[in-house]
Amino acid sequence: MRTTFAGLLAGLLLALAATTGGFTGFLLAVVLGAIGLAVAGKLSGEVDVVDWFRGRRD
């Protein structure tokens, strides 16, 4: 299992454990899943999070 996939699963499971459902719970699960994916990707070197926020510079 890749680290980014494990981070995504961990974020989703934490979100589901913290919420009881509904639309707000769904949005929280998506946001925490994305955060888990970004952190795990950054730690494993598969994702460069800084590039996401740097923008285009010509």
PDB file of N, CA and C in Angstrom:
ATOM      1  N   MET A   1       0.847  -1.168   0.000  1.00  0.00           N
ATOM      2  CA  MET A   1       0.000   0.000   0.000  1.00  0.00           C
ATOM      3  C   MET A   1       0.897   1.237   0.000  1.00  0.00           C
ATOM      4  N   ARG A   2       0.636   2.136  -0.914  1.00  0.00           N
ATOM      5  CA  ARG A   2       1.425   3.359  -0.984  1.00  0.00           C
ATOM      6  C   ARG A   2       1.109   4.267   0.195  1.00  0.00           C
ATOM      7  N   THR A   3       2.059   5.103   0.542  1.00  0.00           N
ATOM      8  CA  THR A   3       1.905   5.988   1.691  1.00  0.00           C
ATOM      9  C   THR A   3       0.790   6.990   1.481  1.00  0.00           C
ATOM     10  N   THR A   4       0.657   7.511   0.261  1.00  0.00           N
ATOM     11  CA  THR A   4      -0.398   8.490   0.008  1.00  0.00           C
ATOM     12  C   THR A   4      -1.772   7.863   0.161  1.00  0.00           C
ATOM     13  N   PHE A   5      -1.916   6.620  -0.270  1.00  0.00           N
ATOM     14  CA  PHE A   5      -3.197   5.926  -0.126  1.00  0.00           C
ATOM     15  C   PHE A   5      -3.511   5.672   1.349  1.00  0.00           C
ATOM     16  N   ALA A   6      -2.487   5.311   2.107  1.00  0.00           N
ATOM     17  CA  ALA A   6      -2.682   5.102   3.542  1.00  0.00           C
ATOM     18  C   ALA A   6      -3.059   6.411   4.234  1.00  0.00           C
ATOM     19  N   GLY A   7      -2.455   7.513   3.820  1.00  0.00           N
ATOM     20  CA  GLY A   7      -2.806   8.819   4.388  1.00  0.00           C
ATOM     21  C   GLY A   7      -4.218   9.225   4.058  1.00  0.00           C
ATOM     22  N   LEU A   8      -4.638   8.936   2.826  1.00  0.00           N
ATOM     23  CA  LEU A   8      -6.003   9.230   2.427  1.00  0.00           C
ATOM     24  C   LEU A   8      -6.992   8.418   3.258  1.00  0.00           C
ATOM     25  N   LEU A   9      -6.726   7.140   3.431  1.00  0.00           N
ATOM     26  CA  LEU A   9      -7.607   6.298   4.241  1.00  0.00           C
ATOM     27  C   LEU A   9      -7.633   6.758   5.691  1.00  0.00           C
ATOM     28  N   ALA A  10      -6.498   7.138   6.224  1.00  0.00           N
ATOM     29  CA  ALA A  10      -6.448   7.594   7.609  1.00  0.00           C
ATOM     30  C   ALA A  10      -7.263   8.872   7.788  1.00  0.00           C
ATOM     31  N   GLY A  11      -7.139   9.795   6.862  1.00  0.00           N
ATOM     32  CA  GLY A  11      -7.916  11.030   6.945  1.00  0.00           C
ATOM     33  C   GLY A  11      -9.409  10.781   6.839  1.00  0.00           C
ATOM     34  N   LEU A  12      -9.798   9.887   5.940  1.00  0.00           N
ATOM     35  CA  LEU A  12     -11.220   9.568   5.795  1.00  0.00           C
ATOM     36  C   LEU A  12     -11.774   8.862   7.025  1.00  0.00           C
ATOM     37  N   LEU A  13     -11.006   7.943   7.591  1.00  0.00           N
ATOM     38  CA  LEU A  13     -11.469   7.247   8.781  1.00  0.00           C
ATOM     39  C   LEU A  13     -11.568   8.179   9.986  1.00  0.00           C
ATOM     40  N   LEU A  14     -10.632   9.107  10.119  1.00  0.00           N
ATOM     41  CA  LEU A  14     -10.727  10.077  11.208  1.00  0.00           C
ATOM     42  C   LEU A  14     -11.944  10.979  11.044  1.00  0.00           C
ATOM     43  N   ALA A  15     -12.228  11.364   9.822  1.00  0.00           N
ATOM     44  CA  ALA A  15     -13.392  12.209   9.580  1.00  0.00           C
ATOM     45  C   ALA A  15     -14.680  11.453   9.887  1.00  0.00           C
ATOM     46  N   LEU A  16     -14.755  10.197   9.490  1.00  0.00           N
ATOM     47  CA  LEU A  16     -15.952   9.416   9.768  1.00  0.00           C
ATOM     48  C   LEU A  16     -16.120   9.158  11.260  1.00  0.00           C
ATOM     49  N   ALA A  17     -15.017   8.992  11.959  1.00  0.00           N
ATOM     50  CA  ALA A  17     -15.100   8.786  13.400  1.00  0.00           C
ATOM     51  C   ALA A  17     -15.525  10.065  14.116  1.00  0.00           C
ATOM     52  N   ALA A  18     -15.181  11.221  13.569  1.00  0.00           N
ATOM     53  CA  ALA A  18     -15.481  12.496  14.215  1.00  0.00           C
ATOM     54  C   ALA A  18     -16.883  12.996  13.895  1.00  0.00           C
ATOM     55  N   THR A  19     -17.501  12.467  12.896  1.00  0.00           N
ATOM     56  CA  THR A  19     -18.817  12.951  12.495  1.00  0.00           C
ATOM     57  C   THR A  19     -19.845  11.829  12.573  1.00  0.00           C
ATOM     58  N   THR A  20     -21.094  12.222  12.519  1.00  0.00           N
ATOM     59  CA  THR A  20     -22.159  11.224  12.528  1.00  0.00           C
ATOM     60  C   THR A  20     -22.875  11.152  11.197  1.00  0.00           C
ATOM     61  N   GLY A  21     -22.455  11.933  10.258  1.00  0.00           N
ATOM     62  CA  GLY A  21     -23.054  11.867   8.930  1.00  0.00           C
ATOM     63  C   GLY A  21     -23.658  13.192   8.507  1.00  0.00           C
ATOM     64  N   GLY A  22     -24.470  13.123   7.490  1.00  0.00           N
ATOM     65  CA  GLY A  22     -25.072  14.329   6.936  1.00  0.00           C
ATOM     66  C   GLY A  22     -24.149  14.996   5.941  1.00  0.00           C
ATOM     67  N   PHE A  23     -24.623  16.088   5.357  1.00  0.00           N
ATOM     68  CA  PHE A  23     -23.837  16.783   4.335  1.00  0.00           C
ATOM     69  C   PHE A  23     -22.574  17.404   4.919  1.00  0.00           C
ATOM     70  N   THR A  24     -22.686  17.966   6.119  1.00  0.00           N
ATOM     71  CA  THR A  24     -21.512  18.553   6.761  1.00  0.00           C
ATOM     72  C   THR A  24     -20.465  17.486   7.048  1.00  0.00           C
ATOM     73  N   GLY A  25     -20.904  16.319   7.489  1.00  0.00           N
ATOM     74  CA  GLY A  25     -19.977  15.218   7.722  1.00  0.00           C
ATOM     75  C   GLY A  25     -19.296  14.766   6.450  1.00  0.00           C
ATOM     76  N   PHE A  26     -20.053  14.757   5.353  1.00  0.00           N
ATOM     77  CA  PHE A  26     -19.466  14.400   4.055  1.00  0.00           C
ATOM     78  C   PHE A  26     -18.382  15.399   3.654  1.00  0.00           C
ATOM     79  N   LEU A  27     -18.678  16.689   3.791  1.00  0.00           N
ATOM     80  CA  LEU A  27     -17.686  17.710   3.427  1.00  0.00           C
ATOM     81  C   LEU A  27     -16.449  17.617   4.314  1.00  0.00           C
ATOM     82  N   LEU A  28     -16.658  17.372   5.607  1.00  0.00           N
ATOM     83  CA  LEU A  28     -15.524  17.232   6.511  1.00  0.00           C
ATOM     84  C   LEU A  28     -14.679  16.015   6.137  1.00  0.00           C
ATOM     85  N   ALA A  29     -15.322  14.929   5.747  1.00  0.00           N
ATOM     86  CA  ALA A  29     -14.587  13.730   5.332  1.00  0.00           C
ATOM     87  C   ALA A  29     -13.748  14.000   4.090  1.00  0.00           C
ATOM     88  N   VAL A  30     -14.294  14.742   3.136  1.00  0.00           N
ATOM     89  CA  VAL A  30     -13.545  15.064   1.918  1.00  0.00           C
ATOM     90  C   VAL A  30     -12.349  15.956   2.245  1.00  0.00           C
ATOM     91  N   VAL A  31     -12.557  16.956   3.082  1.00  0.00           N
ATOM     92  CA  VAL A  31     -11.468  17.882   3.423  1.00  0.00           C
ATOM     93  C   VAL A  31     -10.373  17.161   4.203  1.00  0.00           C
ATOM     94  N   LEU A  32     -10.755  16.376   5.217  1.00  0.00           N
ATOM     95  CA  LEU A  32      -9.743  15.659   5.993  1.00  0.00           C
ATOM     96  C   LEU A  32      -9.050  14.588   5.160  1.00  0.00           C
ATOM     97  N   GLY A  33      -9.757  13.983   4.226  1.00  0.00           N
ATOM     98  CA  GLY A  33      -9.130  13.026   3.318  1.00  0.00           C
ATOM     99  C   GLY A  33      -8.087  13.698   2.434  1.00  0.00           C
ATOM    100  N   ALA A  34      -8.407  14.887   1.943  1.00  0.00           N
ATOM    101  CA  ALA A  34      -7.457  15.628   1.114  1.00  0.00           C
ATOM    102  C   ALA A  34      -6.236  16.055   1.928  1.00  0.00           C
ATOM    103  N   ILE A  35      -6.457  16.465   3.167  1.00  0.00           N
ATOM    104  CA  ILE A  35      -5.340  16.849   4.026  1.00  0.00           C
ATOM    105  C   ILE A  35      -4.448  15.635   4.318  1.00  0.00           C
ATOM    106  N   GLY A  36      -5.069  14.502   4.606  1.00  0.00           N
ATOM    107  CA  GLY A  36      -4.297  13.284   4.840  1.00  0.00           C
ATOM    108  C   GLY A  36      -3.501  12.873   3.618  1.00  0.00           C
ATOM    109  N   LEU A  37      -4.108  13.014   2.451  1.00  0.00           N
ATOM    110  CA  LEU A  37      -3.412  12.701   1.203  1.00  0.00           C
ATOM    111  C   LEU A  37      -2.221  13.630   0.989  1.00  0.00           C
ATOM    112  N   ALA A  38      -2.402  14.918   1.233  1.00  0.00           N
ATOM    113  CA  ALA A  38      -1.327  15.886   1.029  1.00  0.00           C
ATOM    114  C   ALA A  38      -0.173  15.659   2.003  1.00  0.00           C
ATOM    115  N   VAL A  39      -0.492  15.415   3.260  1.00  0.00           N
ATOM    116  CA  VAL A  39       0.560  15.203   4.268  1.00  0.00           C
ATOM    117  C   VAL A  39       1.338  13.924   3.978  1.00  0.00           C
ATOM    118  N   ALA A  40       0.638  12.854   3.697  1.00  0.00           N
ATOM    119  CA  ALA A  40       1.319  11.593   3.416  1.00  0.00           C
ATOM    120  C   ALA A  40       2.127  11.677   2.124  1.00  0.00           C
ATOM    121  N   GLY A  41       1.601  12.356   1.121  1.00  0.00           N
ATOM    122  CA  GLY A  41       2.339  12.527  -0.128  1.00  0.00           C
ATOM    123  C   GLY A  41       3.590  13.356   0.058  1.00  0.00           C
ATOM    124  N   LYS A  42       3.501  14.386   0.887  1.00  0.00           N
ATOM    125  CA  LYS A  42       4.660  15.226   1.165  1.00  0.00           C
ATOM    126  C   LYS A  42       5.718  14.440   1.925  1.00  0.00           C
ATOM    127  N   LEU A  43       5.302  13.640   2.917  1.00  0.00           N
ATOM    128  CA  LEU A  43       6.255  12.867   3.705  1.00  0.00           C
ATOM    129  C   LEU A  43       6.943  11.788   2.879  1.00  0.00           C
ATOM    130  N   SER A  44       6.227  11.217   1.910  1.00  0.00           N
ATOM    131  CA  SER A  44       6.829  10.164   1.094  1.00  0.00           C
ATOM    132  C   SER A  44       7.576  10.720  -0.115  1.00  0.00           C
ATOM    133  N   GLY A  45       7.411  12.004  -0.397  1.00  0.00           N
ATOM    134  CA  GLY A  45       8.094  12.616  -1.530  1.00  0.00           C
ATOM    135  C   GLY A  45       7.371  12.434  -2.852  1.00  0.00           C
ATOM    136  N   GLU A  46       6.157  11.898  -2.833  1.00  0.00           N
ATOM    137  CA  GLU A  46       5.401  11.683  -4.066  1.00  0.00           C
ATOM    138  C   GLU A  46       4.669  12.938  -4.533  1.00  0.00           C
ATOM    139  N   VAL A  47       4.385  13.851  -3.607  1.00  0.00           N
ATOM    140  CA  VAL A  47       3.602  15.044  -3.914  1.00  0.00           C
ATOM    141  C   VAL A  47       4.390  16.260  -3.447  1.00  0.00           C
ATOM    142  N   ASP A  48       4.436  17.302  -4.285  1.00  0.00           N
ATOM    143  CA  ASP A  48       5.071  18.558  -3.895  1.00  0.00           C
ATOM    144  C   ASP A  48       3.974  19.558  -3.575  1.00  0.00           C
ATOM    145  N   VAL A  49       3.640  19.673  -2.296  1.00  0.00           N
ATOM    146  CA  VAL A  49       2.533  20.520  -1.853  1.00  0.00           C
ATOM    147  C   VAL A  49       2.836  21.990  -2.114  1.00  0.00           C
ATOM    148  N   VAL A  50       4.099  22.381  -2.046  1.00  0.00           N
ATOM    149  CA  VAL A  50       4.474  23.776  -2.244  1.00  0.00           C
ATOM    150  C   VAL A  50       4.093  24.236  -3.652  1.00  0.00           C
ATOM    151  N   ASP A  51       4.202  23.354  -4.648  1.00  0.00           N
ATOM    152  CA  ASP A  51       3.830  23.712  -6.015  1.00  0.00           C
ATOM    153  C   ASP A  51       2.349  24.040  -6.142  1.00  0.00           C
ATOM    154  N   TRP A  52       1.525  23.440  -5.303  1.00  0.00           N
ATOM    155  CA  TRP A  52       0.087  23.711  -5.369  1.00  0.00           C
ATOM    156  C   TRP A  52      -0.225  25.157  -5.012  1.00  0.00           C
ATOM    157  N   PHE A  53       0.560  25.752  -4.121  1.00  0.00           N
ATOM    158  CA  PHE A  53       0.289  27.092  -3.630  1.00  0.00           C
ATOM    159  C   PHE A  53       1.196  28.149  -4.252  1.00  0.00           C
ATOM    160  N   ARG A  54       2.200  27.730  -4.991  1.00  0.00           N
ATOM    161  CA  ARG A  54       3.153  28.682  -5.558  1.00  0.00           C
ATOM    162  C   ARG A  54       2.539  29.468  -6.702  1.00  0.00           C
ATOM    163  N   GLY A  55       1.740  28.838  -7.543  1.00  0.00           N
ATOM    164  CA  GLY A  55       1.134  29.512  -8.675  1.00  0.00           C
ATOM    165  C   GLY A  55       2.066  29.533  -9.877  1.00  0.00           C
ATOM    166  N   ARG A  56       1.589  30.117 -10.943  1.00  0.00           N
ATOM    167  CA  ARG A  56       2.416  30.214 -12.152  1.00  0.00           C
ATOM    168  C   ARG A  56       3.254  31.470 -12.128  1.00  0.00           C
ATOM    169  N   ARG A  57       4.506  31.294 -12.412  1.00  0.00           N
ATOM    170  CA  ARG A  57       5.405  32.437 -12.522  1.00  0.00           C
ATOM    171  C   ARG A  57       6.142  32.331 -13.831  1.00  0.00           C
ATOM    172  N   ASP A  58       5.860  33.248 -14.702  1.00  0.00           N
ATOM    173  CA  ASP A  58       6.500  33.231 -16.032  1.00  0.00           C
ATOM    174  C   ASP A  58       7.726  34.077 -16.059  1.00  0.00           C
TER     175      ASP A  58
END
